[in-house]
Amino acid sequence: MSPVPASAITIADGEITLDAEMLAPKLGLSADALREAIEQQIPNSRAAVNGGGGHFSIEVTSPAFAGRSMLDSQRLVYGAIAHLMQGDAPLVHAVDSLKTRNALRATSA
């Protein structure tokens, strides 16, 4: 891992603050973090996440969306990534595109 750039660190009043946006690529907090958060929180989901720099496009497929409106399905996704959108320097600034799809469970014959 390369060193943390000095511009990512602020020291004031005895407190050290790290700029999460600048450190995100170095720490691997990117599309993978979003995908993992979604897949952990939404049952049997598969997430495809593209983007970076705080702006992402997300497509999630899950049987958890069955019987839900598009808005309710999207709320599930936003709930799964809410922790990545909070704070003074959130890792996710915007979801530019969000698609949810209901996955019918495959049955074996």
N, C-alpha and C. Protein backbone atom coordinates (compact mmCIF):
# COMPACT_ATOMS: atom_id res chain seq x y z
N MET A 1 0.85 -1.18 0.00
CA MET A 1 0.00 0.00 0.00
C MET A 1 0.89 1.23 0.00
N SER A 2 0.55 2.22 -0.80
CA SER A 2 1.33 3.45 -0.87
C SER A 2 0.99 4.33 0.32
N PRO A 3 1.90 5.27 0.64
CA PRO A 3 1.66 6.14 1.80
C PRO A 3 0.45 7.04 1.59
N VAL A 4 -0.11 7.46 2.71
CA VAL A 4 -1.25 8.37 2.69
C VAL A 4 -0.74 9.77 2.35
N PRO A 5 -1.34 10.44 1.36
CA PRO A 5 -0.88 11.80 1.03
C PRO A 5 -1.16 12.76 2.18
N ALA A 6 -0.23 13.66 2.39
CA ALA A 6 -0.35 14.63 3.48
C ALA A 6 -1.63 15.45 3.36
N SER A 7 -2.06 15.70 2.13
CA SER A 7 -3.27 16.51 1.93
C SER A 7 -4.54 15.79 2.40
N ALA A 8 -4.45 14.50 2.69
CA ALA A 8 -5.61 13.73 3.16
C ALA A 8 -5.74 13.78 4.68
N ILE A 9 -4.78 14.41 5.34
CA ILE A 9 -4.76 14.45 6.80
C ILE A 9 -4.87 15.89 7.28
N THR A 10 -5.78 16.10 8.25
CA THR A 10 -5.92 17.42 8.88
C THR A 10 -5.76 17.23 10.38
N ILE A 11 -4.95 18.07 10.98
CA ILE A 11 -4.78 18.03 12.44
C ILE A 11 -5.20 19.39 12.98
N ALA A 12 -6.22 19.38 13.83
CA ALA A 12 -6.72 20.63 14.43
C ALA A 12 -7.21 20.35 15.83
N ASP A 13 -6.82 21.19 16.75
CA ASP A 13 -7.25 21.06 18.15
C ASP A 13 -6.98 19.66 18.70
N GLY A 14 -5.85 19.10 18.32
CA GLY A 14 -5.47 17.79 18.84
C GLY A 14 -6.21 16.62 18.22
N GLU A 15 -7.04 16.87 17.21
CA GLU A 15 -7.78 15.80 16.55
C GLU A 15 -7.25 15.59 15.14
N ILE A 16 -7.14 14.33 14.75
CA ILE A 16 -6.69 13.99 13.42
C ILE A 16 -7.89 13.58 12.60
N THR A 17 -8.04 14.20 11.43
CA THR A 17 -9.15 13.89 10.53
C THR A 17 -8.57 13.40 9.21
N LEU A 18 -9.12 12.30 8.71
CA LEU A 18 -8.70 11.77 7.42
C LEU A 18 -9.77 12.04 6.38
N ASP A 19 -9.38 12.44 5.20
CA ASP A 19 -10.31 12.70 4.10
C ASP A 19 -10.65 11.36 3.45
N ALA A 20 -11.85 10.86 3.72
CA ALA A 20 -12.27 9.54 3.25
C ALA A 20 -12.30 9.46 1.72
N GLU A 21 -12.68 10.55 1.07
CA GLU A 21 -12.74 10.52 -0.41
C GLU A 21 -11.36 10.34 -1.01
N MET A 22 -10.36 11.00 -0.44
CA MET A 22 -9.00 10.86 -0.96
C MET A 22 -8.42 9.49 -0.65
N LEU A 23 -8.81 8.93 0.48
CA LEU A 23 -8.26 7.64 0.89
C LEU A 23 -9.00 6.46 0.29
N ALA A 24 -10.20 6.66 -0.19
CA ALA A 24 -11.02 5.56 -0.68
C ALA A 24 -10.30 4.67 -1.67
N PRO A 25 -9.65 5.21 -2.71
CA PRO A 25 -8.97 4.32 -3.65
C PRO A 25 -7.83 3.55 -2.99
N LYS A 26 -7.15 4.15 -2.04
CA LYS A 26 -6.04 3.49 -1.37
C LYS A 26 -6.52 2.37 -0.45
N LEU A 27 -7.69 2.54 0.11
CA LEU A 27 -8.23 1.56 1.05
C LEU A 27 -9.14 0.54 0.38
N GLY A 28 -9.36 0.68 -0.90
CA GLY A 28 -10.22 -0.26 -1.62
C GLY A 28 -11.70 -0.01 -1.37
N LEU A 29 -12.06 1.15 -0.86
CA LEU A 29 -13.45 1.49 -0.60
C LEU A 29 -14.02 2.10 -1.87
N SER A 30 -14.64 1.29 -2.66
CA SER A 30 -15.12 1.75 -3.96
C SER A 30 -16.37 0.99 -4.34
N ALA A 31 -16.48 0.66 -5.59
CA ALA A 31 -17.64 -0.09 -6.08
C ALA A 31 -17.76 -1.42 -5.35
N ASP A 32 -16.63 -2.03 -4.99
CA ASP A 32 -16.67 -3.30 -4.25
C ASP A 32 -17.33 -3.15 -2.89
N ALA A 33 -17.06 -2.04 -2.20
CA ALA A 33 -17.68 -1.81 -0.89
C ALA A 33 -19.19 -1.68 -1.02
N LEU A 34 -19.63 -0.99 -2.07
CA LEU A 34 -21.07 -0.87 -2.31
C LEU A 34 -21.69 -2.22 -2.61
N ARG A 35 -21.07 -2.96 -3.50
CA ARG A 35 -21.59 -4.28 -3.88
C ARG A 35 -21.70 -5.18 -2.65
N GLU A 36 -20.66 -5.21 -1.84
CA GLU A 36 -20.67 -6.06 -0.64
C GLU A 36 -21.75 -5.62 0.34
N ALA A 37 -21.91 -4.32 0.55
CA ALA A 37 -22.93 -3.82 1.48
C ALA A 37 -24.32 -4.22 1.02
N ILE A 38 -24.58 -4.09 -0.27
CA ILE A 38 -25.89 -4.44 -0.82
C ILE A 38 -26.13 -5.94 -0.69
N GLU A 39 -25.16 -6.74 -1.12
CA GLU A 39 -25.34 -8.19 -1.11
C GLU A 39 -25.44 -8.76 0.30
N GLN A 40 -24.85 -8.09 1.28
CA GLN A 40 -24.97 -8.54 2.68
C GLN A 40 -26.32 -8.19 3.27
N GLN A 41 -26.90 -7.06 2.86
CA GLN A 41 -28.14 -6.58 3.47
C GLN A 41 -29.41 -7.06 2.77
N ILE A 42 -29.34 -7.33 1.48
CA ILE A 42 -30.53 -7.74 0.74
C ILE A 42 -30.41 -9.22 0.42
N PRO A 43 -31.34 -10.03 0.91
CA PRO A 43 -31.26 -11.49 0.77
C PRO A 43 -31.15 -11.94 -0.69
N ASN A 44 -30.24 -12.88 -0.92
CA ASN A 44 -30.07 -13.53 -2.22
C ASN A 44 -29.91 -12.53 -3.36
N SER A 45 -29.22 -11.45 -3.10
CA SER A 45 -29.07 -10.42 -4.14
C SER A 45 -27.74 -10.57 -4.88
N ARG A 46 -27.76 -10.04 -6.09
CA ARG A 46 -26.56 -9.89 -6.90
C ARG A 46 -26.53 -8.43 -7.32
N ALA A 47 -25.43 -7.77 -7.03
CA ALA A 47 -25.33 -6.35 -7.35
C ALA A 47 -24.19 -6.12 -8.34
N ALA A 48 -24.47 -5.28 -9.32
CA ALA A 48 -23.45 -4.81 -10.26
C ALA A 48 -23.29 -3.33 -10.00
N VAL A 49 -22.07 -2.91 -9.68
CA VAL A 49 -21.82 -1.52 -9.33
C VAL A 49 -20.68 -1.00 -10.21
N ASN A 50 -20.91 0.14 -10.82
CA ASN A 50 -19.89 0.78 -11.64
C ASN A 50 -19.74 2.22 -11.20
N GLY A 51 -18.55 2.75 -11.37
CA GLY A 51 -18.31 4.15 -11.06
C GLY A 51 -17.16 4.32 -10.12
N GLY A 52 -17.07 5.49 -9.57
CA GLY A 52 -16.01 5.85 -8.65
C GLY A 52 -16.05 7.34 -8.41
N GLY A 53 -15.15 7.82 -7.59
CA GLY A 53 -15.12 9.24 -7.29
C GLY A 53 -16.38 9.73 -6.61
N GLY A 54 -17.08 8.82 -5.94
CA GLY A 54 -18.30 9.20 -5.22
C GLY A 54 -19.58 9.07 -6.02
N HIS A 55 -19.49 8.79 -7.31
CA HIS A 55 -20.68 8.66 -8.18
C HIS A 55 -20.75 7.25 -8.74
N PHE A 56 -21.92 6.60 -8.57
CA PHE A 56 -22.04 5.20 -8.94
C PHE A 56 -23.34 4.90 -9.68
N SER A 57 -23.30 3.86 -10.49
CA SER A 57 -24.48 3.27 -11.12
C SER A 57 -24.62 1.88 -10.53
N ILE A 58 -25.84 1.55 -10.11
CA ILE A 58 -26.07 0.28 -9.40
C ILE A 58 -27.23 -0.46 -10.05
N GLU A 59 -27.05 -1.77 -10.20
CA GLU A 59 -28.14 -2.64 -10.64
C GLU A 59 -28.17 -3.85 -9.70
N VAL A 60 -29.33 -4.07 -9.09
CA VAL A 60 -29.47 -5.14 -8.10
C VAL A 60 -30.59 -6.07 -8.52
N THR A 61 -30.31 -7.37 -8.47
CA THR A 61 -31.30 -8.40 -8.76
C THR A 61 -31.50 -9.22 -7.49
N SER A 62 -32.75 -9.37 -7.06
CA SER A 62 -33.04 -10.14 -5.85
C SER A 62 -34.50 -10.55 -5.79
N PRO A 63 -34.78 -11.74 -5.28
CA PRO A 63 -36.17 -12.12 -5.06
C PRO A 63 -36.83 -11.29 -3.95
N ALA A 64 -36.02 -10.56 -3.18
CA ALA A 64 -36.57 -9.71 -2.12
C ALA A 64 -37.42 -8.58 -2.68
N PHE A 65 -37.29 -8.30 -3.98
CA PHE A 65 -38.06 -7.23 -4.60
C PHE A 65 -39.44 -7.69 -5.07
N ALA A 66 -39.69 -8.99 -5.00
CA ALA A 66 -40.98 -9.53 -5.46
C ALA A 66 -42.13 -8.89 -4.68
N GLY A 67 -43.14 -8.42 -5.39
CA GLY A 67 -44.31 -7.82 -4.77
C GLY A 67 -44.10 -6.41 -4.25
N ARG A 68 -42.92 -5.85 -4.46
CA ARG A 68 -42.64 -4.48 -4.00
C ARG A 68 -42.70 -3.52 -5.19
N SER A 69 -43.05 -2.30 -4.89
CA SER A 69 -43.01 -1.28 -5.93
C SER A 69 -41.56 -0.94 -6.23
N MET A 70 -41.34 -0.25 -7.35
CA MET A 70 -39.99 0.18 -7.70
C MET A 70 -39.41 1.06 -6.59
N LEU A 71 -40.21 1.96 -6.05
CA LEU A 71 -39.74 2.85 -4.99
C LEU A 71 -39.34 2.07 -3.75
N ASP A 72 -40.15 1.10 -3.34
CA ASP A 72 -39.82 0.29 -2.16
C ASP A 72 -38.55 -0.52 -2.39
N SER A 73 -38.39 -1.04 -3.60
CA SER A 73 -37.18 -1.80 -3.92
C SER A 73 -35.95 -0.91 -3.84
N GLN A 74 -36.06 0.30 -4.36
CA GLN A 74 -34.94 1.23 -4.32
C GLN A 74 -34.63 1.66 -2.89
N ARG A 75 -35.67 1.79 -2.08
CA ARG A 75 -35.44 2.14 -0.67
C ARG A 75 -34.63 1.05 0.04
N LEU A 76 -34.87 -0.20 -0.30
CA LEU A 76 -34.08 -1.29 0.28
C LEU A 76 -32.60 -1.12 -0.05
N VAL A 77 -32.33 -0.77 -1.30
CA VAL A 77 -30.94 -0.59 -1.73
C VAL A 77 -30.31 0.60 -1.02
N TYR A 78 -31.01 1.72 -0.99
CA TYR A 78 -30.47 2.90 -0.31
C TYR A 78 -30.25 2.61 1.18
N GLY A 79 -31.13 1.83 1.78
CA GLY A 79 -30.95 1.46 3.18
C GLY A 79 -29.69 0.64 3.40
N ALA A 80 -29.36 -0.19 2.43
CA ALA A 80 -28.17 -1.05 2.54
C ALA A 80 -26.87 -0.25 2.43
N ILE A 81 -26.91 0.90 1.76
CA ILE A 81 -25.68 1.68 1.57
C ILE A 81 -25.70 3.01 2.32
N ALA A 82 -26.70 3.23 3.14
CA ALA A 82 -26.85 4.51 3.84
C ALA A 82 -25.60 4.88 4.63
N HIS A 83 -24.97 3.90 5.26
CA HIS A 83 -23.78 4.19 6.07
C HIS A 83 -22.61 4.71 5.22
N LEU A 84 -22.62 4.42 3.93
CA LEU A 84 -21.56 4.90 3.03
C LEU A 84 -21.87 6.28 2.46
N MET A 85 -23.07 6.80 2.78
CA MET A 85 -23.51 8.10 2.26
C MET A 85 -23.56 9.15 3.37
N GLN A 86 -23.11 8.82 4.56
CA GLN A 86 -23.23 9.72 5.70
C GLN A 86 -21.90 10.36 6.05
N GLY A 87 -21.96 11.43 6.79
CA GLY A 87 -20.77 12.10 7.30
C GLY A 87 -20.34 13.27 6.45
N ASP A 88 -19.27 13.90 6.89
CA ASP A 88 -18.75 15.08 6.19
C ASP A 88 -18.05 14.74 4.88
N ALA A 89 -17.49 13.54 4.79
CA ALA A 89 -16.79 13.12 3.56
C ALA A 89 -17.28 11.73 3.17
N PRO A 90 -18.54 11.64 2.74
CA PRO A 90 -19.09 10.32 2.42
C PRO A 90 -18.40 9.68 1.22
N LEU A 91 -18.30 8.37 1.25
CA LEU A 91 -17.70 7.64 0.13
C LEU A 91 -18.61 7.64 -1.08
N VAL A 92 -19.92 7.75 -0.83
CA VAL A 92 -20.89 7.80 -1.93
C VAL A 92 -21.55 9.17 -1.89
N HIS A 93 -21.34 9.95 -2.94
CA HIS A 93 -21.98 11.27 -3.04
C HIS A 93 -23.28 11.18 -3.80
N ALA A 94 -23.32 10.30 -4.80
CA ALA A 94 -24.51 10.23 -5.65
C ALA A 94 -24.63 8.84 -6.27
N VAL A 95 -25.87 8.40 -6.36
CA VAL A 95 -26.19 7.21 -7.15
C VAL A 95 -26.81 7.76 -8.42
N ASP A 96 -26.04 7.72 -9.50
CA ASP A 96 -26.48 8.31 -10.76
C ASP A 96 -27.56 7.48 -11.44
N SER A 97 -27.53 6.17 -11.22
CA SER A 97 -28.51 5.27 -11.81
C SER A 97 -28.72 4.09 -10.86
N LEU A 98 -29.98 3.76 -10.61
CA LEU A 98 -30.30 2.62 -9.75
C LEU A 98 -31.41 1.81 -10.41
N LYS A 99 -31.09 0.56 -10.71
CA LYS A 99 -32.08 -0.35 -11.29
C LYS A 99 -32.23 -1.54 -10.36
N THR A 100 -33.48 -1.93 -10.11
CA THR A 100 -33.74 -3.11 -9.31
C THR A 100 -34.56 -4.09 -10.14
N ARG A 101 -34.22 -5.36 -9.99
CA ARG A 101 -34.92 -6.40 -10.75
C ARG A 101 -35.28 -7.54 -9.81
N ASN A 102 -36.46 -8.06 -10.02
CA ASN A 102 -36.92 -9.20 -9.23
C ASN A 102 -36.36 -10.47 -9.86
N ALA A 103 -35.68 -11.27 -9.08
CA ALA A 103 -35.15 -12.54 -9.57
C ALA A 103 -36.08 -13.65 -9.12
N LEU A 104 -36.66 -14.33 -10.07
CA LEU A 104 -37.49 -15.47 -9.72
C LEU A 104 -36.60 -16.62 -9.35
N ARG A 105 -36.93 -17.27 -8.28
CA ARG A 105 -36.12 -18.40 -7.85
C ARG A 105 -36.21 -19.53 -8.87
N ALA A 106 -35.05 -20.01 -9.23
CA ALA A 106 -35.01 -21.12 -10.18
C ALA A 106 -35.35 -22.41 -9.45
N THR A 107 -36.13 -23.22 -10.09
CA THR A 107 -36.48 -24.51 -9.49
C THR A 107 -35.82 -25.61 -10.30
N SER A 108 -35.33 -26.60 -9.60
CA SER A 108 -34.69 -27.71 -10.32
C SER A 108 -35.72 -28.82 -10.54
N ALA A 109 -35.60 -29.46 -11.68
CA ALA A 109 -36.56 -30.51 -12.04
C ALA A 109 -36.09 -31.84 -11.53
